[in-house]
Amino acid sequence: MSKEIPKISDAEWEVMKVLWTNSGLTANEIIKSLEAGTHWSPKTVRTLINRLVEKKAIGYNQEGRVYSYYPLVREEDCVRFETQTFIKRIYDGALKPMLVNFLKDEKLSKEDIAEVKNILDQREC
């Protein structure tokens, strides 16, 4: 992807998840979507929305005094960017130590193990 992915905070990520699920929401609709899972005030959510607009992570359409917001970056691209950033920061960019730690420490179901094996088998080709 040629578009630069902005650095999104954990709180901003919650707003993005709402918009990735339902694009074209007003600030009030975003606030309503977040009120069950967070204890944020409407002002806090509006601040997060404004930050995401400034970062060019979301855009908006204006009809009169009503703004509807939509993502400018894809969820998959943000997940990939955050994963790469994490691996670089914690493991100096080396994927193998991260995988070894994850596989040793996590309780994986038989289905999880089969899926990991399948992914690795596909990568060998």
N, C-alpha and C. Protein backbone atom coordinates (compact mmCIF):
# COMPACT_ATOMS: atom_id res chain seq x y z
N MET A 1 0.84 -1.19 0.00
CA MET A 1 0.00 0.00 0.00
C MET A 1 0.88 1.25 0.00
N SER A 2 0.56 2.20 -0.84
CA SER A 2 1.39 3.38 -0.97
C SER A 2 1.03 4.45 0.07
N LYS A 3 -0.18 4.43 0.61
CA LYS A 3 -0.59 5.41 1.61
C LYS A 3 0.11 5.12 2.93
N GLU A 4 0.65 6.18 3.54
CA GLU A 4 1.33 6.03 4.82
C GLU A 4 0.31 5.76 5.91
N ILE A 5 0.61 4.81 6.76
CA ILE A 5 -0.28 4.44 7.85
C ILE A 5 0.06 5.31 9.07
N PRO A 6 -0.93 6.03 9.62
CA PRO A 6 -0.64 6.86 10.79
C PRO A 6 -0.50 6.01 12.05
N LYS A 7 0.21 6.54 13.03
CA LYS A 7 0.32 5.90 14.33
C LYS A 7 -0.98 6.16 15.09
N ILE A 8 -1.68 5.09 15.44
CA ILE A 8 -2.98 5.21 16.08
C ILE A 8 -2.86 4.71 17.52
N SER A 9 -3.30 5.54 18.47
CA SER A 9 -3.24 5.16 19.88
C SER A 9 -4.27 4.07 20.18
N ASP A 10 -4.16 3.48 21.36
CA ASP A 10 -5.11 2.44 21.76
C ASP A 10 -6.54 2.98 21.79
N ALA A 11 -6.73 4.17 22.33
CA ALA A 11 -8.06 4.77 22.39
C ALA A 11 -8.58 5.08 20.99
N GLU A 12 -7.73 5.63 20.15
CA GLU A 12 -8.13 5.92 18.76
C GLU A 12 -8.47 4.63 18.02
N TRP A 13 -7.79 3.55 18.38
CA TRP A 13 -8.04 2.25 17.74
C TRP A 13 -9.50 1.83 17.98
N GLU A 14 -10.04 2.14 19.15
CA GLU A 14 -11.43 1.79 19.46
C GLU A 14 -12.40 2.53 18.53
N VAL A 15 -12.12 3.79 18.25
CA VAL A 15 -12.94 4.56 17.31
C VAL A 15 -12.81 3.96 15.91
N MET A 16 -11.58 3.62 15.54
CA MET A 16 -11.37 3.04 14.21
C MET A 16 -12.14 1.73 14.05
N LYS A 17 -12.16 0.89 15.08
CA LYS A 17 -12.89 -0.39 15.00
C LYS A 17 -14.37 -0.15 14.73
N VAL A 18 -14.93 0.89 15.34
CA VAL A 18 -16.34 1.23 15.09
C VAL A 18 -16.53 1.60 13.62
N LEU A 19 -15.62 2.43 13.10
CA LEU A 19 -15.76 2.89 11.71
C LEU A 19 -15.41 1.81 10.70
N TRP A 20 -14.51 0.89 11.04
CA TRP A 20 -14.23 -0.21 10.12
C TRP A 20 -15.44 -1.14 10.03
N THR A 21 -16.20 -1.22 11.10
CA THR A 21 -17.41 -2.06 11.10
C THR A 21 -18.57 -1.36 10.41
N ASN A 22 -18.73 -0.06 10.68
CA ASN A 22 -19.85 0.72 10.12
C ASN A 22 -19.35 2.07 9.67
N SER A 23 -19.01 2.18 8.42
CA SER A 23 -18.49 3.43 7.88
C SER A 23 -19.64 4.42 7.70
N GLY A 24 -19.30 5.70 7.78
CA GLY A 24 -20.28 6.75 7.51
C GLY A 24 -21.14 7.10 8.71
N LEU A 25 -20.57 7.01 9.92
CA LEU A 25 -21.31 7.32 11.13
C LEU A 25 -21.07 8.75 11.57
N THR A 26 -22.07 9.32 12.22
CA THR A 26 -21.91 10.64 12.82
C THR A 26 -21.15 10.49 14.14
N ALA A 27 -20.70 11.61 14.69
CA ALA A 27 -20.02 11.56 15.99
C ALA A 27 -20.94 10.98 17.05
N ASN A 28 -22.21 11.36 17.03
CA ASN A 28 -23.16 10.83 18.02
C ASN A 28 -23.33 9.32 17.88
N GLU A 29 -23.32 8.82 16.67
CA GLU A 29 -23.44 7.37 16.46
C GLU A 29 -22.18 6.65 16.95
N ILE A 30 -21.03 7.25 16.73
CA ILE A 30 -19.77 6.67 17.23
C ILE A 30 -19.79 6.66 18.76
N ILE A 31 -20.21 7.76 19.36
CA ILE A 31 -20.31 7.86 20.82
C ILE A 31 -21.23 6.77 21.35
N LYS A 32 -22.37 6.59 20.73
CA LYS A 32 -23.34 5.57 21.16
C LYS A 32 -22.74 4.18 21.05
N SER A 33 -22.00 3.91 19.97
CA SER A 33 -21.37 2.60 19.78
C SER A 33 -20.33 2.30 20.85
N LEU A 34 -19.66 3.34 21.34
CA LEU A 34 -18.58 3.17 22.30
C LEU A 34 -19.03 3.21 23.76
N GLU A 35 -20.24 3.71 24.02
CA GLU A 35 -20.62 3.94 25.41
C GLU A 35 -20.75 2.66 26.24
N ALA A 36 -21.08 1.54 25.63
CA ALA A 36 -21.20 0.29 26.38
C ALA A 36 -19.84 -0.25 26.80
N GLY A 37 -18.84 -0.11 25.95
CA GLY A 37 -17.52 -0.69 26.21
C GLY A 37 -16.53 0.25 26.86
N THR A 38 -16.85 1.52 26.93
CA THR A 38 -15.94 2.49 27.54
C THR A 38 -16.73 3.38 28.49
N HIS A 39 -16.04 4.15 29.27
CA HIS A 39 -16.67 5.13 30.15
C HIS A 39 -16.27 6.54 29.71
N TRP A 40 -16.07 6.69 28.41
CA TRP A 40 -15.61 7.97 27.89
C TRP A 40 -16.77 8.93 27.76
N SER A 41 -16.47 10.20 28.02
CA SER A 41 -17.47 11.24 27.82
C SER A 41 -17.60 11.51 26.32
N PRO A 42 -18.71 12.08 25.89
CA PRO A 42 -18.84 12.45 24.47
C PRO A 42 -17.71 13.37 24.02
N LYS A 43 -17.25 14.26 24.91
CA LYS A 43 -16.16 15.18 24.56
C LYS A 43 -14.88 14.41 24.26
N THR A 44 -14.60 13.37 25.05
CA THR A 44 -13.41 12.54 24.82
C THR A 44 -13.48 11.87 23.45
N VAL A 45 -14.63 11.31 23.11
CA VAL A 45 -14.78 10.63 21.82
C VAL A 45 -14.62 11.64 20.68
N ARG A 46 -15.19 12.82 20.84
CA ARG A 46 -15.04 13.84 19.80
C ARG A 46 -13.58 14.26 19.63
N THR A 47 -12.84 14.33 20.74
CA THR A 47 -11.41 14.63 20.68
C THR A 47 -10.67 13.54 19.90
N LEU A 48 -11.00 12.28 20.17
CA LEU A 48 -10.37 11.17 19.44
C LEU A 48 -10.69 11.25 17.96
N ILE A 49 -11.94 11.56 17.63
CA ILE A 49 -12.34 11.70 16.22
C ILE A 49 -11.53 12.81 15.56
N ASN A 50 -11.40 13.94 16.22
CA ASN A 50 -10.63 15.07 15.66
C ASN A 50 -9.17 14.70 15.45
N ARG A 51 -8.58 13.96 16.40
CA ARG A 51 -7.19 13.52 16.23
C ARG A 51 -7.05 12.62 15.02
N LEU A 52 -8.01 11.72 14.84
CA LEU A 52 -7.95 10.79 13.70
C LEU A 52 -8.12 11.52 12.38
N VAL A 53 -8.93 12.58 12.37
CA VAL A 53 -9.05 13.40 11.16
C VAL A 53 -7.72 14.10 10.88
N GLU A 54 -7.10 14.67 11.92
CA GLU A 54 -5.80 15.35 11.76
C GLU A 54 -4.73 14.39 11.26
N LYS A 55 -4.78 13.15 11.71
CA LYS A 55 -3.80 12.14 11.29
C LYS A 55 -4.12 11.56 9.92
N LYS A 56 -5.25 11.96 9.36
CA LYS A 56 -5.71 11.45 8.07
C LYS A 56 -6.00 9.95 8.11
N ALA A 57 -6.44 9.50 9.28
CA ALA A 57 -6.87 8.11 9.43
C ALA A 57 -8.35 7.99 9.09
N ILE A 58 -9.10 9.08 9.31
CA ILE A 58 -10.50 9.12 8.93
C ILE A 58 -10.79 10.40 8.18
N GLY A 59 -11.80 10.34 7.36
CA GLY A 59 -12.28 11.50 6.63
C GLY A 59 -13.72 11.75 7.01
N TYR A 60 -14.31 12.78 6.43
CA TYR A 60 -15.70 13.08 6.75
C TYR A 60 -16.41 13.70 5.56
N ASN A 61 -17.72 13.52 5.57
CA ASN A 61 -18.61 14.20 4.64
C ASN A 61 -19.48 15.13 5.47
N GLN A 62 -19.71 16.31 4.95
CA GLN A 62 -20.52 17.28 5.69
C GLN A 62 -21.79 17.56 4.91
N GLU A 63 -22.92 17.38 5.59
CA GLU A 63 -24.22 17.76 5.03
C GLU A 63 -24.86 18.72 6.02
N GLY A 64 -24.82 19.99 5.69
CA GLY A 64 -25.29 21.00 6.63
C GLY A 64 -24.37 21.02 7.83
N ARG A 65 -24.97 20.80 9.02
CA ARG A 65 -24.16 20.79 10.25
C ARG A 65 -23.81 19.38 10.69
N VAL A 66 -24.16 18.40 9.88
CA VAL A 66 -23.92 16.99 10.24
C VAL A 66 -22.69 16.47 9.50
N TYR A 67 -21.78 15.89 10.28
CA TYR A 67 -20.57 15.28 9.73
C TYR A 67 -20.71 13.77 9.87
N SER A 68 -20.41 13.05 8.80
CA SER A 68 -20.34 11.59 8.89
C SER A 68 -18.90 11.18 8.57
N TYR A 69 -18.40 10.26 9.39
CA TYR A 69 -16.98 9.89 9.34
C TYR A 69 -16.81 8.51 8.72
N TYR A 70 -15.68 8.35 8.03
CA TYR A 70 -15.35 7.08 7.38
C TYR A 70 -13.84 6.88 7.43
N PRO A 71 -13.40 5.62 7.44
CA PRO A 71 -11.95 5.36 7.51
C PRO A 71 -11.27 5.68 6.18
N LEU A 72 -10.07 6.21 6.29
CA LEU A 72 -9.22 6.45 5.12
C LEU A 72 -8.14 5.39 4.99
N VAL A 73 -7.98 4.59 6.04
CA VAL A 73 -7.00 3.51 6.03
C VAL A 73 -7.73 2.19 6.31
N ARG A 74 -7.26 1.15 5.69
CA ARG A 74 -7.89 -0.16 5.86
C ARG A 74 -7.42 -0.81 7.16
N GLU A 75 -8.32 -1.56 7.77
CA GLU A 75 -7.99 -2.26 9.01
C GLU A 75 -6.80 -3.20 8.80
N GLU A 76 -6.80 -3.93 7.69
CA GLU A 76 -5.73 -4.89 7.42
C GLU A 76 -4.37 -4.20 7.35
N ASP A 77 -4.34 -3.02 6.75
CA ASP A 77 -3.08 -2.28 6.64
C ASP A 77 -2.61 -1.77 8.00
N CYS A 78 -3.55 -1.34 8.84
CA CYS A 78 -3.19 -0.87 10.18
C CYS A 78 -2.71 -2.03 11.05
N VAL A 79 -3.36 -3.17 10.94
CA VAL A 79 -2.93 -4.35 11.71
C VAL A 79 -1.52 -4.75 11.27
N ARG A 80 -1.28 -4.78 9.99
CA ARG A 80 0.05 -5.14 9.47
C ARG A 80 1.11 -4.15 9.97
N PHE A 81 0.80 -2.86 9.91
CA PHE A 81 1.73 -1.83 10.37
C PHE A 81 2.02 -1.99 11.86
N GLU A 82 0.98 -2.19 12.67
CA GLU A 82 1.17 -2.35 14.12
C GLU A 82 1.97 -3.61 14.44
N THR A 83 1.73 -4.68 13.69
CA THR A 83 2.48 -5.92 13.89
C THR A 83 3.95 -5.71 13.59
N GLN A 84 4.24 -5.08 12.47
CA GLN A 84 5.63 -4.82 12.09
C GLN A 84 6.32 -3.90 13.10
N THR A 85 5.59 -2.89 13.57
CA THR A 85 6.14 -1.96 14.57
C THR A 85 6.46 -2.70 15.87
N PHE A 86 5.56 -3.57 16.30
CA PHE A 86 5.77 -4.36 17.51
C PHE A 86 6.99 -5.26 17.38
N ILE A 87 7.10 -5.96 16.27
CA ILE A 87 8.23 -6.88 16.05
C ILE A 87 9.55 -6.11 16.03
N LYS A 88 9.56 -4.95 15.39
CA LYS A 88 10.78 -4.13 15.35
C LYS A 88 11.15 -3.63 16.74
N ARG A 89 10.15 -3.16 17.50
CA ARG A 89 10.41 -2.56 18.81
C ARG A 89 10.83 -3.60 19.84
N ILE A 90 10.14 -4.73 19.89
CA ILE A 90 10.37 -5.72 20.94
C ILE A 90 11.43 -6.75 20.54
N TYR A 91 11.44 -7.16 19.30
CA TYR A 91 12.33 -8.25 18.85
C TYR A 91 13.37 -7.81 17.84
N ASP A 92 13.64 -6.51 17.76
CA ASP A 92 14.62 -5.98 16.80
C ASP A 92 14.36 -6.44 15.38
N GLY A 93 13.10 -6.62 15.05
CA GLY A 93 12.71 -7.00 13.69
C GLY A 93 12.81 -8.48 13.39
N ALA A 94 13.20 -9.29 14.35
CA ALA A 94 13.35 -10.73 14.12
C ALA A 94 12.04 -11.45 14.46
N LEU A 95 11.47 -12.08 13.48
CA LEU A 95 10.19 -12.75 13.65
C LEU A 95 10.32 -14.06 14.43
N LYS A 96 11.41 -14.79 14.22
CA LYS A 96 11.56 -16.10 14.84
C LYS A 96 11.46 -16.06 16.37
N PRO A 97 12.18 -15.17 17.07
CA PRO A 97 12.06 -15.15 18.53
C PRO A 97 10.64 -14.86 19.00
N MET A 98 9.93 -13.99 18.27
CA MET A 98 8.55 -13.69 18.63
C MET A 98 7.68 -14.93 18.50
N LEU A 99 7.83 -15.64 17.39
CA LEU A 99 7.05 -16.86 17.18
C LEU A 99 7.37 -17.92 18.23
N VAL A 100 8.64 -18.09 18.53
CA VAL A 100 9.05 -19.08 19.53
C VAL A 100 8.42 -18.74 20.89
N ASN A 101 8.52 -17.46 21.30
CA ASN A 101 7.91 -17.05 22.57
C ASN A 101 6.41 -17.27 22.57
N PHE A 102 5.78 -16.90 21.50
CA PHE A 102 4.32 -17.06 21.41
C PHE A 102 3.93 -18.53 21.48
N LEU A 103 4.59 -19.36 20.70
CA LEU A 103 4.23 -20.78 20.66
C LEU A 103 4.53 -21.49 21.98
N LYS A 104 5.57 -21.07 22.68
CA LYS A 104 5.91 -21.69 23.97
C LYS A 104 4.94 -21.25 25.07
N ASP A 105 4.52 -20.01 25.04
CA ASP A 105 3.75 -19.45 26.15
C ASP A 105 2.23 -19.56 26.01
N GLU A 106 1.74 -19.66 24.80
CA GLU A 106 0.30 -19.68 24.59
C GLU A 106 -0.25 -21.09 24.62
N LYS A 107 -1.45 -21.23 25.16
CA LYS A 107 -2.15 -22.51 25.10
C LYS A 107 -2.92 -22.53 23.78
N LEU A 108 -2.50 -23.41 22.90
CA LEU A 108 -3.10 -23.50 21.58
C LEU A 108 -3.98 -24.74 21.50
N SER A 109 -5.16 -24.57 20.89
CA SER A 109 -6.03 -25.72 20.66
C SER A 109 -5.48 -26.53 19.49
N LYS A 110 -6.00 -27.72 19.29
CA LYS A 110 -5.60 -28.54 18.15
C LYS A 110 -5.89 -27.81 16.85
N GLU A 111 -6.99 -27.08 16.82
CA GLU A 111 -7.35 -26.32 15.62
C GLU A 111 -6.34 -25.20 15.37
N ASP A 112 -5.92 -24.54 16.44
CA ASP A 112 -4.91 -23.47 16.31
C ASP A 112 -3.60 -24.04 15.77
N ILE A 113 -3.18 -25.16 16.32
CA ILE A 113 -1.93 -25.80 15.88
C ILE A 113 -2.03 -26.21 14.42
N ALA A 114 -3.17 -26.78 14.04
CA ALA A 114 -3.37 -27.19 12.65
C ALA A 114 -3.32 -25.98 11.72
N GLU A 115 -3.89 -24.86 12.16
CA GLU A 115 -3.88 -23.65 11.32
C GLU A 115 -2.46 -23.10 11.17
N VAL A 116 -1.69 -23.09 12.26
CA VAL A 116 -0.30 -22.64 12.20
C VAL A 116 0.50 -23.53 11.27
N LYS A 117 0.33 -24.85 11.40
CA LYS A 117 1.03 -25.79 10.52
C LYS A 117 0.66 -25.54 9.06
N ASN A 118 -0.61 -25.33 8.80
CA ASN A 118 -1.09 -25.09 7.44
C ASN A 118 -0.46 -23.82 6.86
N ILE A 119 -0.39 -22.77 7.66
CA ILE A 119 0.23 -21.53 7.20
C ILE A 119 1.70 -21.73 6.88
N LEU A 120 2.40 -22.45 7.77
CA LEU A 120 3.82 -22.72 7.54
C LEU A 120 4.03 -23.62 6.33
N ASP A 121 3.18 -24.61 6.14
CA ASP A 121 3.27 -25.48 4.96
C ASP A 121 3.08 -24.68 3.68
N GLN A 122 2.15 -23.74 3.69
CA GLN A 122 1.91 -22.91 2.50
C GLN A 122 3.09 -21.98 2.21
N ARG A 123 3.78 -21.54 3.25
CA ARG A 123 4.94 -20.67 3.08
C ARG A 123 6.13 -21.38 2.48
N GLU A 124 6.21 -22.71 2.64
CA GLU A 124 7.33 -23.48 2.11
C GLU A 124 7.31 -23.54 0.59
N CYS A 125 6.14 -23.41 0.01
CA CYS A 125 6.01 -23.55 -1.44
C CYS A 125 6.59 -22.42 -2.21
